[in-house]
All heavy atoms as atom14 arrays in JSON, in Angstrom:
{
  "sequence": "ECLTAIRALGVSVALDDFGVGGSALAHLHALPADRIKIGRPLAQDAE",
  "atom14_mask": [
    [1, 1, 1, 1, 1, 1, 1, 1, 1, 0, 0, 0, 0, 0],
    [1, 1, 1, 1, 1, 1, 0, 0, 0, 0, 0, 0, 0, 0],
    [1, 1, 1, 1, 1, 1, 1, 1, 0, 0, 0, 0, 0, 0],
    [1, 1, 1, 1, 1, 1, 1, 0, 0, 0, 0, 0, 0, 0],
    [1, 1, 1, 1, 1, 0, 0, 0, 0, 0, 0, 0, 0, 0],
    [1, 1, 1, 1, 1, 1, 1, 1, 0, 0, 0, 0, 0, 0],
    [1, 1, 1, 1, 1, 1, 1, 1, 1, 1, 1, 0, 0, 0],
    [1, 1, 1, 1, 1, 0, 0, 0, 0, 0, 0, 0, 0, 0],
    [1, 1, 1, 1, 1, 1, 1, 1, 0, 0, 0, 0, 0, 0],
    [1, 1, 1, 1, 0, 0, 0, 0, 0, 0, 0, 0, 0, 0],
    [1, 1, 1, 1, 1, 1, 1, 0, 0, 0, 0, 0, 0, 0],
    [1, 1, 1, 1, 1, 1, 0, 0, 0, 0, 0, 0, 0, 0],
    [1, 1, 1, 1, 1, 1, 1, 0, 0, 0, 0, 0, 0, 0],
    [1, 1, 1, 1, 1, 0, 0, 0, 0, 0, 0, 0, 0, 0],
    [1, 1, 1, 1, 1, 1, 1, 1, 0, 0, 0, 0, 0, 0],
    [1, 1, 1, 1, 1, 1, 1, 1, 0, 0, 0, 0, 0, 0],
    [1, 1, 1, 1, 1, 1, 1, 1, 0, 0, 0, 0, 0, 0],
    [1, 1, 1, 1, 1, 1, 1, 1, 1, 1, 1, 0, 0, 0],
    [1, 1, 1, 1, 0, 0, 0, 0, 0, 0, 0, 0, 0, 0],
    [1, 1, 1, 1, 1, 1, 1, 0, 0, 0, 0, 0, 0, 0],
    [1, 1, 1, 1, 0, 0, 0, 0, 0, 0, 0, 0, 0, 0],
    [1, 1, 1, 1, 0, 0, 0, 0, 0, 0, 0, 0, 0, 0],
    [1, 1, 1, 1, 1, 1, 0, 0, 0, 0, 0, 0, 0, 0],
    [1, 1, 1, 1, 1, 0, 0, 0, 0, 0, 0, 0, 0, 0],
    [1, 1, 1, 1, 1, 1, 1, 1, 0, 0, 0, 0, 0, 0],
    [1, 1, 1, 1, 1, 0, 0, 0, 0, 0, 0, 0, 0, 0],
    [1, 1, 1, 1, 1, 1, 1, 1, 1, 1, 0, 0, 0, 0],
    [1, 1, 1, 1, 1, 1, 1, 1, 0, 0, 0, 0, 0, 0],
    [1, 1, 1, 1, 1, 1, 1, 1, 1, 1, 0, 0, 0, 0],
    [1, 1, 1, 1, 1, 0, 0, 0, 0, 0, 0, 0, 0, 0],
    [1, 1, 1, 1, 1, 1, 1, 1, 0, 0, 0, 0, 0, 0],
    [1, 1, 1, 1, 1, 1, 1, 0, 0, 0, 0, 0, 0, 0],
    [1, 1, 1, 1, 1, 0, 0, 0, 0, 0, 0, 0, 0, 0],
    [1, 1, 1, 1, 1, 1, 1, 1, 0, 0, 0, 0, 0, 0],
    [1, 1, 1, 1, 1, 1, 1, 1, 1, 1, 1, 0, 0, 0],
    [1, 1, 1, 1, 1, 1, 1, 1, 0, 0, 0, 0, 0, 0],
    [1, 1, 1, 1, 1, 1, 1, 1, 1, 0, 0, 0, 0, 0],
    [1, 1, 1, 1, 1, 1, 1, 1, 0, 0, 0, 0, 0, 0],
    [1, 1, 1, 1, 0, 0, 0, 0, 0, 0, 0, 0, 0, 0],
    [1, 1, 1, 1, 1, 1, 1, 1, 1, 1, 1, 0, 0, 0],
    [1, 1, 1, 1, 1, 1, 1, 0, 0, 0, 0, 0, 0, 0],
    [1, 1, 1, 1, 1, 1, 1, 1, 0, 0, 0, 0, 0, 0],
    [1, 1, 1, 1, 1, 0, 0, 0, 0, 0, 0, 0, 0, 0],
    [1, 1, 1, 1, 1, 1, 1, 1, 1, 0, 0, 0, 0, 0],
    [1, 1, 1, 1, 1, 1, 1, 1, 0, 0, 0, 0, 0, 0],
    [1, 1, 1, 1, 1, 0, 0, 0, 0, 0, 0, 0, 0, 0],
    [1, 1, 1, 1, 1, 1, 1, 1, 1, 0, 0, 0, 0, 0]
  ],
  "atom14_positions": [
    [[242.61, 11.36, -79.83], [242.0, 11.63, -81.14], [242.71, 10.98, -82.23], [242.07, 10.5, -83.22], [241.9, 13.13, -81.27], [240.88, 13.77, -80.34], [240.95, 15.37, -80.47], [241.58, 15.84, -81.46], [240.26, 16.03, -79.67], [0.0, 0.0, 0.0], [0.0, 0.0, 0.0], [0.0, 0.0, 0.0], [0.0, 0.0, 0.0], [0.0, 0.0, 0.0]],
    [[244.03, 11.08, -82.27], [244.81, 10.4, -83.32], [244.52, 8.91, -83.39], [244.28, 8.37, -84.54], [246.31, 10.71, -83.06], [247.37, 9.99, -84.25], [0.0, 0.0, 0.0], [0.0, 0.0, 0.0], [0.0, 0.0, 0.0], [0.0, 0.0, 0.0], [0.0, 0.0, 0.0], [0.0, 0.0, 0.0], [0.0, 0.0, 0.0], [0.0, 0.0, 0.0]],
    [[244.55, 8.22, -82.27], [244.29, 6.75, -82.35], [242.93, 6.42, -82.76], [242.66, 5.44, -83.43], [244.59, 6.23, -80.89], [246.06, 6.11, -80.56], [246.24, 5.79, -78.98], [246.81, 5.09, -81.4], [0.0, 0.0, 0.0], [0.0, 0.0, 0.0], [0.0, 0.0, 0.0], [0.0, 0.0, 0.0], [0.0, 0.0, 0.0], [0.0, 0.0, 0.0]],
    [[241.93, 7.26, -82.39], [240.52, 7.04, -82.82], [240.41, 7.18, -84.36], [239.8, 6.38, -85.01], [239.64, 8.06, -82.15], [239.69, 7.89, -80.7], [238.26, 7.81, -82.64], [0.0, 0.0, 0.0], [0.0, 0.0, 0.0], [0.0, 0.0, 0.0], [0.0, 0.0, 0.0], [0.0, 0.0, 0.0], [0.0, 0.0, 0.0], [0.0, 0.0, 0.0]],
    [[241.11, 8.19, -84.89], [241.17, 8.41, -86.38], [241.92, 7.13, -87.03], [241.4, 6.8, -88.19], [241.84, 9.66, -86.68], [0.0, 0.0, 0.0], [0.0, 0.0, 0.0], [0.0, 0.0, 0.0], [0.0, 0.0, 0.0], [0.0, 0.0, 0.0], [0.0, 0.0, 0.0], [0.0, 0.0, 0.0], [0.0, 0.0, 0.0], [0.0, 0.0, 0.0]],
    [[242.88, 6.64, -86.49], [243.65, 5.5, -87.01], [242.73, 4.27, -87.02], [242.68, 3.52, -88.06], [245.0, 5.26, -86.24], [246.02, 6.42, -86.58], [245.6, 3.95, -86.55], [247.27, 6.41, -85.75], [0.0, 0.0, 0.0], [0.0, 0.0, 0.0], [0.0, 0.0, 0.0], [0.0, 0.0, 0.0], [0.0, 0.0, 0.0], [0.0, 0.0, 0.0]],
    [[242.05, 3.98, -85.91], [241.15, 2.89, -85.86], [240.04, 3.02, -86.9], [239.54, 2.02, -87.33], [240.61, 2.64, -84.44], [241.68, 2.27, -83.38], [241.11, 1.97, -82.1], [240.54, 0.61, -81.94], [239.37, 0.26, -81.68], [238.43, 1.17, -81.51], [239.07, -1.01, -81.68], [0.0, 0.0, 0.0], [0.0, 0.0, 0.0], [0.0, 0.0, 0.0]],
    [[239.65, 4.24, -87.09], [238.52, 4.48, -88.05], [239.0, 4.12, -89.45], [238.16, 3.72, -90.38], [238.15, 5.97, -88.07], [0.0, 0.0, 0.0], [0.0, 0.0, 0.0], [0.0, 0.0, 0.0], [0.0, 0.0, 0.0], [0.0, 0.0, 0.0], [0.0, 0.0, 0.0], [0.0, 0.0, 0.0], [0.0, 0.0, 0.0], [0.0, 0.0, 0.0]],
    [[240.25, 4.01, -89.7], [240.84, 3.54, -91.09], [240.71, 2.08, -91.21], [240.89, 1.61, -92.34], [242.31, 4.01, -91.2], [242.6, 5.41, -91.19], [244.14, 5.66, -91.12], [242.04, 6.11, -92.43], [0.0, 0.0, 0.0], [0.0, 0.0, 0.0], [0.0, 0.0, 0.0], [0.0, 0.0, 0.0], [0.0, 0.0, 0.0], [0.0, 0.0, 0.0]],
    [[240.42, 1.34, -90.11], [240.44, -0.15, -90.1], [241.79, -0.72, -89.57], [241.93, -1.85, -89.63], [0.0, 0.0, 0.0], [0.0, 0.0, 0.0], [0.0, 0.0, 0.0], [0.0, 0.0, 0.0], [0.0, 0.0, 0.0], [0.0, 0.0, 0.0], [0.0, 0.0, 0.0], [0.0, 0.0, 0.0], [0.0, 0.0, 0.0], [0.0, 0.0, 0.0]],
    [[242.64, 0.08, -89.09], [243.85, -0.28, -88.51], [243.72, -0.68, -87.07], [243.02, 0.01, -86.32], [244.93, 0.85, -88.59], [246.21, 0.47, -87.98], [245.2, 1.18, -90.03], [0.0, 0.0, 0.0], [0.0, 0.0, 0.0], [0.0, 0.0, 0.0], [0.0, 0.0, 0.0], [0.0, 0.0, 0.0], [0.0, 0.0, 0.0], [0.0, 0.0, 0.0]],
    [[244.3, -1.77, -86.6], [244.08, -2.2, -85.19], [245.24, -1.54, -84.38], [246.22, -1.03, -84.82], [244.28, -3.72, -85.06], [245.51, -4.15, -85.55], [0.0, 0.0, 0.0], [0.0, 0.0, 0.0], [0.0, 0.0, 0.0], [0.0, 0.0, 0.0], [0.0, 0.0, 0.0], [0.0, 0.0, 0.0], [0.0, 0.0, 0.0], [0.0, 0.0, 0.0]],
    [[244.92, -1.49, -83.05], [245.75, -0.79, -82.06], [246.12, -1.84, -81.02], [245.15, -2.49, -80.4], [245.14, 0.44, -81.47], [246.05, 1.0, -80.37], [244.93, 1.47, -82.61], [0.0, 0.0, 0.0], [0.0, 0.0, 0.0], [0.0, 0.0, 0.0], [0.0, 0.0, 0.0], [0.0, 0.0, 0.0], [0.0, 0.0, 0.0], [0.0, 0.0, 0.0]],
    [[247.37, -1.94, -80.61], [247.81, -2.89, -79.5], [248.43, -2.02, -78.43], [249.24, -1.05, -78.71], [248.84, -3.84, -80.02], [0.0, 0.0, 0.0], [0.0, 0.0, 0.0], [0.0, 0.0, 0.0], [0.0, 0.0, 0.0], [0.0, 0.0, 0.0], [0.0, 0.0, 0.0], [0.0, 0.0, 0.0], [0.0, 0.0, 0.0], [0.0, 0.0, 0.0]],
    [[248.31, -2.43, -77.2], [248.93, -1.81, -76.02], [250.23, -2.69, -75.74], [250.05, -3.78, -75.3], [248.07, -1.69, -74.88], [246.83, -0.83, -74.99], [245.96, -0.9, -73.71], [247.23, 0.64, -75.24], [0.0, 0.0, 0.0], [0.0, 0.0, 0.0], [0.0, 0.0, 0.0], [0.0, 0.0, 0.0], [0.0, 0.0, 0.0], [0.0, 0.0, 0.0]],
    [[251.36, -2.05, -76.02], [252.6, -2.83, -75.84], [253.09, -2.79, -74.4], [252.77, -1.93, -73.66], [253.65, -2.22, -76.82], [254.86, -3.13, -77.03], [254.68, -4.33, -76.78], [255.83, -2.64, -77.59], [0.0, 0.0, 0.0], [0.0, 0.0, 0.0], [0.0, 0.0, 0.0], [0.0, 0.0, 0.0], [0.0, 0.0, 0.0], [0.0, 0.0, 0.0]],
    [[253.92, -3.79, -74.08], [254.5, -3.79, -72.71], [253.44, -3.82, -71.66], [253.72, -3.16, -70.58], [255.51, -2.69, -72.6], [256.75, -2.79, -73.49], [257.13, -3.96, -73.71], [257.21, -1.81, -74.0], [0.0, 0.0, 0.0], [0.0, 0.0, 0.0], [0.0, 0.0, 0.0], [0.0, 0.0, 0.0], [0.0, 0.0, 0.0], [0.0, 0.0, 0.0]],
    [[252.35, -4.39, -71.8], [251.31, -4.36, -70.77], [251.76, -5.01, -69.5], [252.33, -6.16, -69.63], [249.94, -5.01, -71.28], [248.81, -4.56, -70.5], [248.09, -3.44, -70.83], [248.35, -5.29, -69.46], [246.96, -3.02, -70.04], [247.26, -5.01, -68.7], [246.56, -3.86, -68.97], [0.0, 0.0, 0.0], [0.0, 0.0, 0.0], [0.0, 0.0, 0.0]],
    [[251.51, -4.42, -68.39], [251.93, -4.9, -67.12], [253.38, -4.51, -66.71], [253.78, -4.89, -65.68], [0.0, 0.0, 0.0], [0.0, 0.0, 0.0], [0.0, 0.0, 0.0], [0.0, 0.0, 0.0], [0.0, 0.0, 0.0], [0.0, 0.0, 0.0], [0.0, 0.0, 0.0], [0.0, 0.0, 0.0], [0.0, 0.0, 0.0], [0.0, 0.0, 0.0]],
    [[254.01, -3.77, -67.6], [255.36, -3.3, -67.31], [255.39, -1.78, -67.49], [254.87, -1.21, -68.47], [256.41, -3.97, -68.31], [257.83, -3.42, -67.99], [256.3, -5.45, -68.28], [0.0, 0.0, 0.0], [0.0, 0.0, 0.0], [0.0, 0.0, 0.0], [0.0, 0.0, 0.0], [0.0, 0.0, 0.0], [0.0, 0.0, 0.0], [0.0, 0.0, 0.0]],
    [[255.95, -1.09, -66.58], [256.08, 0.39, -66.71], [254.78, 1.07, -66.67], [253.89, 0.79, -65.78], [0.0, 0.0, 0.0], [0.0, 0.0, 0.0], [0.0, 0.0, 0.0], [0.0, 0.0, 0.0], [0.0, 0.0, 0.0], [0.0, 0.0, 0.0], [0.0, 0.0, 0.0], [0.0, 0.0, 0.0], [0.0, 0.0, 0.0], [0.0, 0.0, 0.0]],
    [[254.56, 1.92, -67.55], [253.3, 2.78, -67.5], [252.06, 2.22, -68.15], [250.99, 2.74, -67.94], [0.0, 0.0, 0.0], [0.0, 0.0, 0.0], [0.0, 0.0, 0.0], [0.0, 0.0, 0.0], [0.0, 0.0, 0.0], [0.0, 0.0, 0.0], [0.0, 0.0, 0.0], [0.0, 0.0, 0.0], [0.0, 0.0, 0.0], [0.0, 0.0, 0.0]],
    [[252.17, 1.17, -68.95], [251.1, 0.52, -69.58], [250.2, -0.22, -68.54], [250.65, -1.17, -67.96], [251.46, -0.42, -70.72], [250.36, -0.84, -71.37], [0.0, 0.0, 0.0], [0.0, 0.0, 0.0], [0.0, 0.0, 0.0], [0.0, 0.0, 0.0], [0.0, 0.0, 0.0], [0.0, 0.0, 0.0], [0.0, 0.0, 0.0], [0.0, 0.0, 0.0]],
    [[248.99, 0.24, -68.29], [248.24, -0.32, -67.2], [246.76, -0.24, -67.5], [246.3, 0.09, -68.7], [248.51, 0.44, -65.84], [0.0, 0.0, 0.0], [0.0, 0.0, 0.0], [0.0, 0.0, 0.0], [0.0, 0.0, 0.0], [0.0, 0.0, 0.0], [0.0, 0.0, 0.0], [0.0, 0.0, 0.0], [0.0, 0.0, 0.0], [0.0, 0.0, 0.0]],
    [[245.98, -0.58, -66.54], [244.47, -0.62, -66.72], [243.89, 0.71, -67.21], [242.92, 0.8, -67.92], [243.76, -1.01, -65.44], [244.15, -2.43, -64.94], [243.43, -2.7, -63.56], [243.72, -3.41, -65.93], [0.0, 0.0, 0.0], [0.0, 0.0, 0.0], [0.0, 0.0, 0.0], [0.0, 0.0, 0.0], [0.0, 0.0, 0.0], [0.0, 0.0, 0.0]],
    [[244.55, 1.83, -66.76], [244.05, 3.17, -67.14], [244.05, 3.32, -68.78], [243.15, 3.97, -69.28], [244.83, 4.22, -66.58], [0.0, 0.0, 0.0], [0.0, 0.0, 0.0], [0.0, 0.0, 0.0], [0.0, 0.0, 0.0], [0.0, 0.0, 0.0], [0.0, 0.0, 0.0], [0.0, 0.0, 0.0], [0.0, 0.0, 0.0], [0.0, 0.0, 0.0]],
    [[245.06, 2.69, -69.34], [245.08, 2.77, -70.85], [243.92, 2.01, -71.43], [243.35, 2.34, -72.46], [246.46, 2.15, -71.36], [247.56, 3.13, -71.06], [248.79, 2.86, -71.42], [247.62, 4.38, -70.52], [249.66, 3.89, -71.13], [248.87, 4.76, -70.54], [0.0, 0.0, 0.0], [0.0, 0.0, 0.0], [0.0, 0.0, 0.0], [0.0, 0.0, 0.0]],
    [[243.58, 0.84, -70.86], [242.43, 0.04, -71.32], [241.19, 0.91, -71.24], [240.32, 0.78, -72.12], [242.36, -1.2, -70.49], [243.16, -2.47, -71.0], [242.92, -3.53, -70.13], [242.93, -2.78, -72.44], [0.0, 0.0, 0.0], [0.0, 0.0, 0.0], [0.0, 0.0, 0.0], [0.0, 0.0, 0.0], [0.0, 0.0, 0.0], [0.0, 0.0, 0.0]],
    [[241.03, 1.63, -70.12], [239.84, 2.46, -69.94], [239.91, 3.63, -70.91], [238.78, 3.98, -71.46], [239.74, 2.91, -68.56], [238.58, 3.75, -68.22], [237.32, 3.16, -68.24], [238.42, 5.07, -67.96], [236.4, 4.11, -67.99], [237.06, 5.29, -67.71], [0.0, 0.0, 0.0], [0.0, 0.0, 0.0], [0.0, 0.0, 0.0], [0.0, 0.0, 0.0]],
    [[241.05, 4.21, -71.17], [241.03, 5.37, -72.08], [240.99, 5.02, -73.51], [240.34, 5.87, -74.27], [242.37, 6.08, -71.83], [0.0, 0.0, 0.0], [0.0, 0.0, 0.0], [0.0, 0.0, 0.0], [0.0, 0.0, 0.0], [0.0, 0.0, 0.0], [0.0, 0.0, 0.0], [0.0, 0.0, 0.0], [0.0, 0.0, 0.0], [0.0, 0.0, 0.0]],
    [[241.37, 3.85, -73.87], [241.42, 3.55, -75.38], [240.87, 2.12, -75.6], [241.3, 1.15, -75.03], [242.87, 3.6, -75.84], [243.07, 3.18, -77.32], [242.53, 4.35, -78.23], [244.55, 2.92, -77.56], [0.0, 0.0, 0.0], [0.0, 0.0, 0.0], [0.0, 0.0, 0.0], [0.0, 0.0, 0.0], [0.0, 0.0, 0.0], [0.0, 0.0, 0.0]],
    [[239.92, 2.05, -76.52], [239.41, 0.61, -76.91], [240.47, -0.09, -77.72], [240.5, 0.04, -78.97], [238.17, 0.93, -77.7], [237.83, 2.4, -77.55], [239.16, 3.08, -77.16], [0.0, 0.0, 0.0], [0.0, 0.0, 0.0], [0.0, 0.0, 0.0], [0.0, 0.0, 0.0], [0.0, 0.0, 0.0], [0.0, 0.0, 0.0], [0.0, 0.0, 0.0]],
    [[241.37, -0.8, -77.12], [242.45, -1.46, -77.8], [241.94, -2.76, -78.4], [241.0, -3.37, -77.98], [243.6, -1.76, -76.83], [0.0, 0.0, 0.0], [0.0, 0.0, 0.0], [0.0, 0.0, 0.0], [0.0, 0.0, 0.0], [0.0, 0.0, 0.0], [0.0, 0.0, 0.0], [0.0, 0.0, 0.0], [0.0, 0.0, 0.0], [0.0, 0.0, 0.0]],
    [[242.69, -3.17, -79.43], [242.28, -4.46, -80.1], [243.16, -5.6, -79.54], [242.82, -6.77, -79.71], [242.6, -4.34, -81.61], [241.74, -3.23, -82.23], [240.61, -3.44, -82.37], [242.35, -2.28, -82.59], [0.0, 0.0, 0.0], [0.0, 0.0, 0.0], [0.0, 0.0, 0.0], [0.0, 0.0, 0.0], [0.0, 0.0, 0.0], [0.0, 0.0, 0.0]],
    [[244.33, -5.2, -79.01], [245.24, -6.31, -78.59], [246.09, -5.79, -77.35], [246.46, -4.56, -77.19], [246.19, -6.72, -79.7], [247.05, -7.99, -79.4], [247.88, -8.23, -80.66], [247.19, -7.96, -81.81], [246.34, -8.84, -82.48], [246.14, -10.05, -81.89], [245.77, -8.56, -83.63], [0.0, 0.0, 0.0], [0.0, 0.0, 0.0], [0.0, 0.0, 0.0]],
    [[246.41, -6.7, -76.43], [247.34, -6.42, -75.26], [248.49, -7.3, -75.57], [248.42, -8.53, -75.77], [246.64, -6.8, -74.03], [245.57, -5.82, -73.58], [247.71, -6.96, -72.85], [244.83, -6.15, -72.29], [0.0, 0.0, 0.0], [0.0, 0.0, 0.0], [0.0, 0.0, 0.0], [0.0, 0.0, 0.0], [0.0, 0.0, 0.0], [0.0, 0.0, 0.0]],
    [[249.62, -6.66, -75.5], [250.95, -7.46, -75.6], [251.6, -7.44, -74.15], [251.95, -6.4, -73.66], [251.91, -6.83, -76.62], [251.26, -6.7, -78.03], [252.31, -6.39, -79.01], [253.23, -7.55, -79.37], [254.18, -7.29, -80.51], [0.0, 0.0, 0.0], [0.0, 0.0, 0.0], [0.0, 0.0, 0.0], [0.0, 0.0, 0.0], [0.0, 0.0, 0.0]],
    [[251.53, -8.63, -73.55], [252.08, -8.82, -72.24], [253.6, -8.59, -72.31], [254.25, -9.26, -73.03], [251.69, -10.17, -71.72], [250.19, -10.35, -71.64], [252.35, -10.36, -70.27], [249.69, -11.71, -71.35], [0.0, 0.0, 0.0], [0.0, 0.0, 0.0], [0.0, 0.0, 0.0], [0.0, 0.0, 0.0], [0.0, 0.0, 0.0], [0.0, 0.0, 0.0]],
    [[254.15, -7.71, -71.46], [255.56, -7.34, -71.53], [256.49, -8.53, -71.23], [256.18, -9.38, -70.52], [0.0, 0.0, 0.0], [0.0, 0.0, 0.0], [0.0, 0.0, 0.0], [0.0, 0.0, 0.0], [0.0, 0.0, 0.0], [0.0, 0.0, 0.0], [0.0, 0.0, 0.0], [0.0, 0.0, 0.0], [0.0, 0.0, 0.0], [0.0, 0.0, 0.0]],
    [[257.67, -8.47, -71.84], [258.69, -9.53, -71.73], [258.96, -9.86, -70.3], [258.98, -11.07, -69.87], [259.95, -9.07, -72.49], [261.07, -10.07, -72.36], [262.41, -9.42, -72.98], [262.21, -8.86, -74.14], [262.48, -9.55, -75.33], [262.91, -10.84, -75.25], [262.38, -8.97, -76.5], [0.0, 0.0, 0.0], [0.0, 0.0, 0.0], [0.0, 0.0, 0.0]],
    [[259.3, -8.93, -69.41], [259.71, -9.26, -68.03], [258.65, -10.06, -67.28], [258.82, -11.12, -66.61], [259.97, -7.93, -67.38], [260.24, -6.94, -68.48], [259.39, -7.43, -69.58], [0.0, 0.0, 0.0], [0.0, 0.0, 0.0], [0.0, 0.0, 0.0], [0.0, 0.0, 0.0], [0.0, 0.0, 0.0], [0.0, 0.0, 0.0], [0.0, 0.0, 0.0]],
    [[257.39, -9.67, -67.52], [256.27, -10.3, -66.83], [256.04, -11.71, -67.38], [255.87, -12.68, -66.64], [255.04, -9.51, -67.04], [253.76, -9.83, -66.05], [254.21, -9.78, -64.58], [252.65, -8.94, -66.27], [0.0, 0.0, 0.0], [0.0, 0.0, 0.0], [0.0, 0.0, 0.0], [0.0, 0.0, 0.0], [0.0, 0.0, 0.0], [0.0, 0.0, 0.0]],
    [[256.07, -11.9, -68.72], [255.94, -13.2, -69.32], [257.03, -14.14, -68.92], [256.67, -15.41, -68.67], [255.86, -13.04, -70.9], [0.0, 0.0, 0.0], [0.0, 0.0, 0.0], [0.0, 0.0, 0.0], [0.0, 0.0, 0.0], [0.0, 0.0, 0.0], [0.0, 0.0, 0.0], [0.0, 0.0, 0.0], [0.0, 0.0, 0.0], [0.0, 0.0, 0.0]],
    [[258.29, -13.65, -68.8], [259.36, -14.54, -68.47], [259.23, -14.87, -66.98], [259.62, -16.03, -66.55], [260.68, -13.94, -68.82], [260.87, -13.78, -70.28], [262.17, -13.17, -70.73], [262.92, -12.64, -69.85], [262.5, -13.21, -71.95], [0.0, 0.0, 0.0], [0.0, 0.0, 0.0], [0.0, 0.0, 0.0], [0.0, 0.0, 0.0], [0.0, 0.0, 0.0]],
    [[258.96, -13.9, -66.13], [258.93, -14.2, -64.62], [257.88, -15.22, -64.28], [257.89, -15.86, -63.25], [258.66, -12.91, -63.89], [259.88, -12.04, -63.93], [261.0, -12.49, -64.33], [259.82, -10.84, -63.49], [0.0, 0.0, 0.0], [0.0, 0.0, 0.0], [0.0, 0.0, 0.0], [0.0, 0.0, 0.0], [0.0, 0.0, 0.0], [0.0, 0.0, 0.0]],
    [[256.8, -15.26, -65.1], [255.59, -16.07, -64.79], [256.09, -17.64, -64.74], [255.43, -18.34, -64.05], [254.49, -15.95, -65.87], [0.0, 0.0, 0.0], [0.0, 0.0, 0.0], [0.0, 0.0, 0.0], [0.0, 0.0, 0.0], [0.0, 0.0, 0.0], [0.0, 0.0, 0.0], [0.0, 0.0, 0.0], [0.0, 0.0, 0.0], [0.0, 0.0, 0.0]],
    [[257.14, -17.97, -65.43], [257.6, -19.3, -65.41], [258.09, -19.8, -64.0], [257.93, -20.91, -63.54], [258.71, -19.49, -66.38], [259.22, -20.98, -66.48], [260.34, -21.07, -67.48], [260.84, -20.05, -68.08], [260.83, -22.26, -67.71], [0.0, 0.0, 0.0], [0.0, 0.0, 0.0], [0.0, 0.0, 0.0], [0.0, 0.0, 0.0], [0.0, 0.0, 0.0]]
  ]
}
């Protein structure tokens, strides 16, 4: 409810550390996010 009210102000919401720890697909389903931030360990391992 808090995040919905914040987005209603025109503020964007990003899911941080995506793919690391608890941030996962369930968050995408629960919240209409504006941005996904791919977590540092995953981005670095991809090399």
